Amino acid sequence: MYNFTVSDMTCGHCASTIEKAVKNTDPACEIKIDVAARTVQVETACSAQDIADAIKLAGYTGTLAA
């Protein structure tokens, strides 16, 4: 599971856009988004970089949390 901080995610529309982008990368992934905490958790077979790239292509800055 990867945990990302997405500091520029501020609303439900942002979350929906990010979820769609991640699902396009891995349709079988499980994703949990907390807009208030600005976090995205992804259970996926893809690499963290693939998910980070998907978030970036959606227009957001995803930083992998330690």
PDB file of N, CA and C in Angstrom:
ATOM      1  N   MET A   1       0.849  -1.181   0.000  1.00  0.00           N
ATOM      2  CA  MET A   1       0.000   0.000   0.000  1.00  0.00           C
ATOM      3  C   MET A   1       0.889   1.237   0.000  1.00  0.00           C
ATOM      4  N   TYR A   2       0.497   2.193  -0.791  1.00  0.00           N
ATOM      5  CA  TYR A   2       1.219   3.461  -0.863  1.00  0.00           C
ATOM      6  C   TYR A   2       0.355   4.562  -0.271  1.00  0.00           C
ATOM      7  N   ASN A   3       0.964   5.449   0.469  1.00  0.00           N
ATOM      8  CA  ASN A   3       0.287   6.610   1.040  1.00  0.00           C
ATOM      9  C   ASN A   3       0.894   7.869   0.440  1.00  0.00           C
ATOM     10  N   PHE A   4       0.032   8.683  -0.134  1.00  0.00           N
ATOM     11  CA  PHE A   4       0.479   9.937  -0.729  1.00  0.00           C
ATOM     12  C   PHE A   4      -0.163  11.105  -0.005  1.00  0.00           C
ATOM     13  N   THR A   5       0.590  12.168   0.120  1.00  0.00           N
ATOM     14  CA  THR A   5       0.055  13.448   0.574  1.00  0.00           C
ATOM     15  C   THR A   5      -0.152  14.282  -0.682  1.00  0.00           C
ATOM     16  N   VAL A   6      -1.368  14.797  -0.835  1.00  0.00           N
ATOM     17  CA  VAL A   6      -1.686  15.617  -1.997  1.00  0.00           C
ATOM     18  C   VAL A   6      -2.166  16.964  -1.464  1.00  0.00           C
ATOM     19  N   SER A   7      -1.214  17.852  -1.236  1.00  0.00           N
ATOM     20  CA  SER A   7      -1.507  19.120  -0.559  1.00  0.00           C
ATOM     21  C   SER A   7      -2.414  20.042  -1.363  1.00  0.00           C
ATOM     22  N   ASP A   8      -2.470  19.866  -2.684  1.00  0.00           N
ATOM     23  CA  ASP A   8      -3.319  20.731  -3.499  1.00  0.00           C
ATOM     24  C   ASP A   8      -4.681  20.099  -3.806  1.00  0.00           C
ATOM     25  N   MET A   9      -5.053  19.031  -3.120  1.00  0.00           N
ATOM     26  CA  MET A   9      -6.382  18.424  -3.228  1.00  0.00           C
ATOM     27  C   MET A   9      -7.259  19.092  -2.173  1.00  0.00           C
ATOM     28  N   THR A  10      -8.263  19.843  -2.608  1.00  0.00           N
ATOM     29  CA  THR A  10      -9.032  20.648  -1.663  1.00  0.00           C
ATOM     30  C   THR A  10     -10.526  20.341  -1.616  1.00  0.00           C
ATOM     31  N   CYS A  11     -11.024  19.485  -2.522  1.00  0.00           N
ATOM     32  CA  CYS A  11     -12.470  19.265  -2.561  1.00  0.00           C
ATOM     33  C   CYS A  11     -12.809  17.901  -3.152  1.00  0.00           C
ATOM     34  N   GLY A  12     -14.081  17.589  -3.155  1.00  0.00           N
ATOM     35  CA  GLY A  12     -14.540  16.324  -3.695  1.00  0.00           C
ATOM     36  C   GLY A  12     -14.254  16.170  -5.175  1.00  0.00           C
ATOM     37  N   HIS A  13     -14.304  17.260  -5.918  1.00  0.00           N
ATOM     38  CA  HIS A  13     -13.995  17.196  -7.348  1.00  0.00           C
ATOM     39  C   HIS A  13     -12.543  16.804  -7.554  1.00  0.00           C
ATOM     40  N   CYS A  14     -11.661  17.376  -6.750  1.00  0.00           N
ATOM     41  CA  CYS A  14     -10.238  17.018  -6.815  1.00  0.00           C
ATOM     42  C   CYS A  14     -10.078  15.519  -6.559  1.00  0.00           C
ATOM     43  N   ALA A  15     -10.731  15.035  -5.506  1.00  0.00           N
ATOM     44  CA  ALA A  15     -10.638  13.622  -5.138  1.00  0.00           C
ATOM     45  C   ALA A  15     -11.142  12.733  -6.269  1.00  0.00           C
ATOM     46  N   SER A  16     -12.232  13.118  -6.885  1.00  0.00           N
ATOM     47  CA  SER A  16     -12.798  12.346  -7.990  1.00  0.00           C
ATOM     48  C   SER A  16     -11.849  12.296  -9.178  1.00  0.00           C
ATOM     49  N   THR A  17     -11.223  13.414  -9.481  1.00  0.00           N
ATOM     50  CA  THR A  17     -10.270  13.485 -10.586  1.00  0.00           C
ATOM     51  C   THR A  17      -9.062  12.590 -10.320  1.00  0.00           C
ATOM     52  N   ILE A  18      -8.570  12.626  -9.090  1.00  0.00           N
ATOM     53  CA  ILE A  18      -7.425  11.794  -8.726  1.00  0.00           C
ATOM     54  C   ILE A  18      -7.811  10.318  -8.771  1.00  0.00           C
ATOM     55  N   GLU A  19      -8.975   9.991  -8.227  1.00  0.00           N
ATOM     56  CA  GLU A  19      -9.416   8.594  -8.234  1.00  0.00           C
ATOM     57  C   GLU A  19      -9.535   8.057  -9.664  1.00  0.00           C
ATOM     58  N   LYS A  20     -10.093   8.846 -10.551  1.00  0.00           N
ATOM     59  CA  LYS A  20     -10.238   8.425 -11.947  1.00  0.00           C
ATOM     60  C   LYS A  20      -8.866   8.198 -12.591  1.00  0.00           C
ATOM     61  N   ALA A  21      -7.922   9.082 -12.329  1.00  0.00           N
ATOM     62  CA  ALA A  21      -6.582   8.959 -12.909  1.00  0.00           C
ATOM     63  C   ALA A  21      -5.878   7.704 -12.399  1.00  0.00           C
ATOM     64  N   VAL A  22      -5.991   7.445 -11.108  1.00  0.00           N
ATOM     65  CA  VAL A  22      -5.344   6.264 -10.527  1.00  0.00           C
ATOM     66  C   VAL A  22      -6.002   4.991 -11.057  1.00  0.00           C
ATOM     67  N   LYS A  23      -7.335   4.993 -11.152  1.00  0.00           N
ATOM     68  CA  LYS A  23      -8.057   3.825 -11.668  1.00  0.00           C
ATOM     69  C   LYS A  23      -7.730   3.579 -13.142  1.00  0.00           C
ATOM     70  N   ASN A  24      -7.423   4.625 -13.891  1.00  0.00           N
ATOM     71  CA  ASN A  24      -7.007   4.437 -15.282  1.00  0.00           C
ATOM     72  C   ASN A  24      -5.651   3.744 -15.351  1.00  0.00           C
ATOM     73  N   THR A  25      -4.810   3.965 -14.353  1.00  0.00           N
ATOM     74  CA  THR A  25      -3.502   3.329 -14.295  1.00  0.00           C
ATOM     75  C   THR A  25      -3.627   1.874 -13.861  1.00  0.00           C
ATOM     76  N   ASP A  26      -4.477   1.627 -12.867  1.00  0.00           N
ATOM     77  CA  ASP A  26      -4.696   0.264 -12.359  1.00  0.00           C
ATOM     78  C   ASP A  26      -6.172   0.107 -11.991  1.00  0.00           C
ATOM     79  N   PRO A  27      -6.979  -0.413 -12.921  1.00  0.00           N
ATOM     80  CA  PRO A  27      -8.413  -0.566 -12.657  1.00  0.00           C
ATOM     81  C   PRO A  27      -8.733  -1.468 -11.462  1.00  0.00           C
ATOM     82  N   ALA A  28      -7.822  -2.346 -11.095  1.00  0.00           N
ATOM     83  CA  ALA A  28      -8.067  -3.282  -9.993  1.00  0.00           C
ATOM     84  C   ALA A  28      -7.621  -2.741  -8.635  1.00  0.00           C
ATOM     85  N   CYS A  29      -7.072  -1.546  -8.593  1.00  0.00           N
ATOM     86  CA  CYS A  29      -6.552  -1.016  -7.332  1.00  0.00           C
ATOM     87  C   CYS A  29      -7.684  -0.661  -6.377  1.00  0.00           C
ATOM     88  N   GLU A  30      -7.329  -0.586  -5.105  1.00  0.00           N
ATOM     89  CA  GLU A  30      -8.236  -0.079  -4.085  1.00  0.00           C
ATOM     90  C   GLU A  30      -7.682   1.257  -3.637  1.00  0.00           C
ATOM     91  N   ILE A  31      -8.557   2.259  -3.598  1.00  0.00           N
ATOM     92  CA  ILE A  31      -8.102   3.609  -3.274  1.00  0.00           C
ATOM     93  C   ILE A  31      -8.990   4.204  -2.184  1.00  0.00           C
ATOM     94  N   LYS A  32      -8.344   4.861  -1.224  1.00  0.00           N
ATOM     95  CA  LYS A  32      -9.054   5.563  -0.155  1.00  0.00           C
ATOM     96  C   LYS A  32      -8.530   6.984  -0.136  1.00  0.00           C
ATOM     97  N   ILE A  33      -9.455   7.921  -0.229  1.00  0.00           N
ATOM     98  CA  ILE A  33      -9.073   9.330  -0.269  1.00  0.00           C
ATOM     99  C   ILE A  33      -9.702  10.062   0.910  1.00  0.00           C
ATOM    100  N   ASP A  34      -8.893  10.835   1.610  1.00  0.00           N
ATOM    101  CA  ASP A  34      -9.365  11.671   2.712  1.00  0.00           C
ATOM    102  C   ASP A  34      -9.049  13.116   2.335  1.00  0.00           C
ATOM    103  N   VAL A  35     -10.076  13.823   1.878  1.00  0.00           N
ATOM    104  CA  VAL A  35      -9.868  15.195   1.413  1.00  0.00           C
ATOM    105  C   VAL A  35      -9.418  16.093   2.563  1.00  0.00           C
ATOM    106  N   ALA A  36     -10.028  15.934   3.735  1.00  0.00           N
ATOM    107  CA  ALA A  36      -9.678  16.797   4.870  1.00  0.00           C
ATOM    108  C   ALA A  36      -8.217  16.630   5.272  1.00  0.00           C
ATOM    109  N   ALA A  37      -7.726  15.392   5.246  1.00  0.00           N
ATOM    110  CA  ALA A  37      -6.326  15.136   5.598  1.00  0.00           C
ATOM    111  C   ALA A  37      -5.399  15.270   4.396  1.00  0.00           C
ATOM    112  N   ARG A  38      -6.015  15.399   3.215  1.00  0.00           N
ATOM    113  CA  ARG A  38      -5.264  15.516   1.953  1.00  0.00           C
ATOM    114  C   ARG A  38      -4.358  14.316   1.723  1.00  0.00           C
ATOM    115  N   THR A  39      -4.927  13.129   1.932  1.00  0.00           N
ATOM    116  CA  THR A  39      -4.173  11.895   1.738  1.00  0.00           C
ATOM    117  C   THR A  39      -4.880  10.977   0.754  1.00  0.00           C
ATOM    118  N   VAL A  40      -4.068  10.202   0.059  1.00  0.00           N
ATOM    119  CA  VAL A  40      -4.546   9.189  -0.871  1.00  0.00           C
ATOM    120  C   VAL A  40      -3.801   7.900  -0.546  1.00  0.00           C
ATOM    121  N   GLN A  41      -4.551   6.846  -0.252  1.00  0.00           N
ATOM    122  CA  GLN A  41      -3.966   5.530   0.005  1.00  0.00           C
ATOM    123  C   GLN A  41      -4.349   4.634  -1.163  1.00  0.00           C
ATOM    124  N   VAL A  42      -3.358   3.945  -1.712  1.00  0.00           N
ATOM    125  CA  VAL A  42      -3.606   3.087  -2.869  1.00  0.00           C
ATOM    126  C   VAL A  42      -3.003   1.709  -2.631  1.00  0.00           C
ATOM    127  N   GLU A  43      -3.841   0.689  -2.754  1.00  0.00           N
ATOM    128  CA  GLU A  43      -3.404  -0.711  -2.726  1.00  0.00           C
ATOM    129  C   GLU A  43      -3.362  -1.141  -4.186  1.00  0.00           C
ATOM    130  N   THR A  44      -2.167  -1.403  -4.692  1.00  0.00           N
ATOM    131  CA  THR A  44      -1.999  -1.657  -6.120  1.00  0.00           C
ATOM    132  C   THR A  44      -0.791  -2.538  -6.388  1.00  0.00           C
ATOM    133  N   ALA A  45      -0.798  -3.147  -7.552  1.00  0.00           N
ATOM    134  CA  ALA A  45       0.362  -3.915  -8.008  1.00  0.00           C
ATOM    135  C   ALA A  45       1.334  -3.005  -8.769  1.00  0.00           C
ATOM    136  N   CYS A  46       0.910  -1.782  -9.062  1.00  0.00           N
ATOM    137  CA  CYS A  46       1.760  -0.822  -9.779  1.00  0.00           C
ATOM    138  C   CYS A  46       2.819  -0.260  -8.840  1.00  0.00           C
ATOM    139  N   SER A  47       3.816   0.370  -9.411  1.00  0.00           N
ATOM    140  CA  SER A  47       4.858   1.003  -8.601  1.00  0.00           C
ATOM    141  C   SER A  47       4.343   2.334  -8.043  1.00  0.00           C
ATOM    142  N   ALA A  48       5.000   2.784  -6.995  1.00  0.00           N
ATOM    143  CA  ALA A  48       4.660   4.082  -6.416  1.00  0.00           C
ATOM    144  C   ALA A  48       4.836   5.180  -7.452  1.00  0.00           C
ATOM    145  N   GLN A  49       5.859   5.042  -8.298  1.00  0.00           N
ATOM    146  CA  GLN A  49       6.104   6.057  -9.325  1.00  0.00           C
ATOM    147  C   GLN A  49       4.962   6.107 -10.331  1.00  0.00           C
ATOM    148  N   ASP A  50       4.408   4.946 -10.702  1.00  0.00           N
ATOM    149  CA  ASP A  50       3.264   4.920 -11.623  1.00  0.00           C
ATOM    150  C   ASP A  50       2.076   5.683 -11.037  1.00  0.00           C
ATOM    151  N   ILE A  51       1.826   5.475  -9.756  1.00  0.00           N
ATOM    152  CA  ILE A  51       0.705   6.158  -9.102  1.00  0.00           C
ATOM    153  C   ILE A  51       0.991   7.651  -8.975  1.00  0.00           C
ATOM    154  N   ALA A  52       2.208   7.998  -8.607  1.00  0.00           N
ATOM    155  CA  ALA A  52       2.590   9.413  -8.518  1.00  0.00           C
ATOM    156  C   ALA A  52       2.445  10.095  -9.870  1.00  0.00           C
ATOM    157  N   ASP A  53       2.837   9.400 -10.930  1.00  0.00           N
ATOM    158  CA  ASP A  53       2.701   9.956 -12.286  1.00  0.00           C
ATOM    159  C   ASP A  53       1.235  10.164 -12.645  1.00  0.00           C
ATOM    160  N   ALA A  54       0.372   9.232 -12.256  1.00  0.00           N
ATOM    161  CA  ALA A  54      -1.061   9.359 -12.543  1.00  0.00           C
ATOM    162  C   ALA A  54      -1.638  10.580 -11.817  1.00  0.00           C
ATOM    163  N   ILE A  55      -1.241  10.762 -10.561  1.00  0.00           N
ATOM    164  CA  ILE A  55      -1.710  11.925  -9.799  1.00  0.00           C
ATOM    165  C   ILE A  55      -1.215  13.213 -10.457  1.00  0.00           C
ATOM    166  N   LYS A  56       0.026  13.209 -10.900  1.00  0.00           N
ATOM    167  CA  LYS A  56       0.592  14.395 -11.559  1.00  0.00           C
ATOM    168  C   LYS A  56      -0.127  14.701 -12.872  1.00  0.00           C
ATOM    169  N   LEU A  57      -0.407  13.657 -13.654  1.00  0.00           N
ATOM    170  CA  LEU A  57      -1.119  13.857 -14.921  1.00  0.00           C
ATOM    171  C   LEU A  57      -2.532  14.398 -14.695  1.00  0.00           C
ATOM    172  N   ALA A  58      -3.101  14.106 -13.525  1.00  0.00           N
ATOM    173  CA  ALA A  58      -4.419  14.624 -13.186  1.00  0.00           C
ATOM    174  C   ALA A  58      -4.349  16.091 -12.773  1.00  0.00           C
ATOM    175  N   GLY A  59      -3.118  16.603 -12.593  1.00  0.00           N
ATOM    176  CA  GLY A  59      -2.949  18.019 -12.270  1.00  0.00           C
ATOM    177  C   GLY A  59      -2.644  18.299 -10.813  1.00  0.00           C
ATOM    178  N   TYR A  60      -2.248  17.280 -10.064  1.00  0.00           N
ATOM    179  CA  TYR A  60      -2.009  17.439  -8.638  1.00  0.00           C
ATOM    180  C   TYR A  60      -0.598  16.998  -8.274  1.00  0.00           C
ATOM    181  N   THR A  61      -0.170  17.403  -7.091  1.00  0.00           N
ATOM    182  CA  THR A  61       1.166  17.081  -6.619  1.00  0.00           C
ATOM    183  C   THR A  61       1.052  16.007  -5.542  1.00  0.00           C
ATOM    184  N   GLY A  62       1.409  14.776  -5.876  1.00  0.00           N
ATOM    185  CA  GLY A  62       1.359  13.690  -4.917  1.00  0.00           C
ATOM    186  C   GLY A  62       2.749  13.388  -4.400  1.00  0.00           C
ATOM    187  N   THR A  63       2.926  13.443  -3.090  1.00  0.00           N
ATOM    188  CA  THR A  63       4.196  13.151  -2.460  1.00  0.00           C
ATOM    189  C   THR A  63       4.065  11.863  -1.667  1.00  0.00           C
ATOM    190  N   LEU A  64       4.914  10.897  -1.939  1.00  0.00           N
ATOM    191  CA  LEU A  64       4.867   9.624  -1.232  1.00  0.00           C
ATOM    192  C   LEU A  64       5.225   9.863   0.224  1.00  0.00           C
ATOM    193  N   ALA A  65       4.324   9.451   1.113  1.00  0.00           N
ATOM    194  CA  ALA A  65       4.550   9.597   2.545  1.00  0.00           C
ATOM    195  C   ALA A  65       5.426   8.469   3.058  1.00  0.00           C
ATOM    196  N   ALA A  66       6.282   8.776   4.006  1.00  0.00           N
ATOM    197  CA  ALA A  66       7.197   7.764   4.559  1.00  0.00           C
ATOM    198  C   ALA A  66       6.468   6.813   5.481  1.00  0.00           C
TER     199      ALA A  66
END
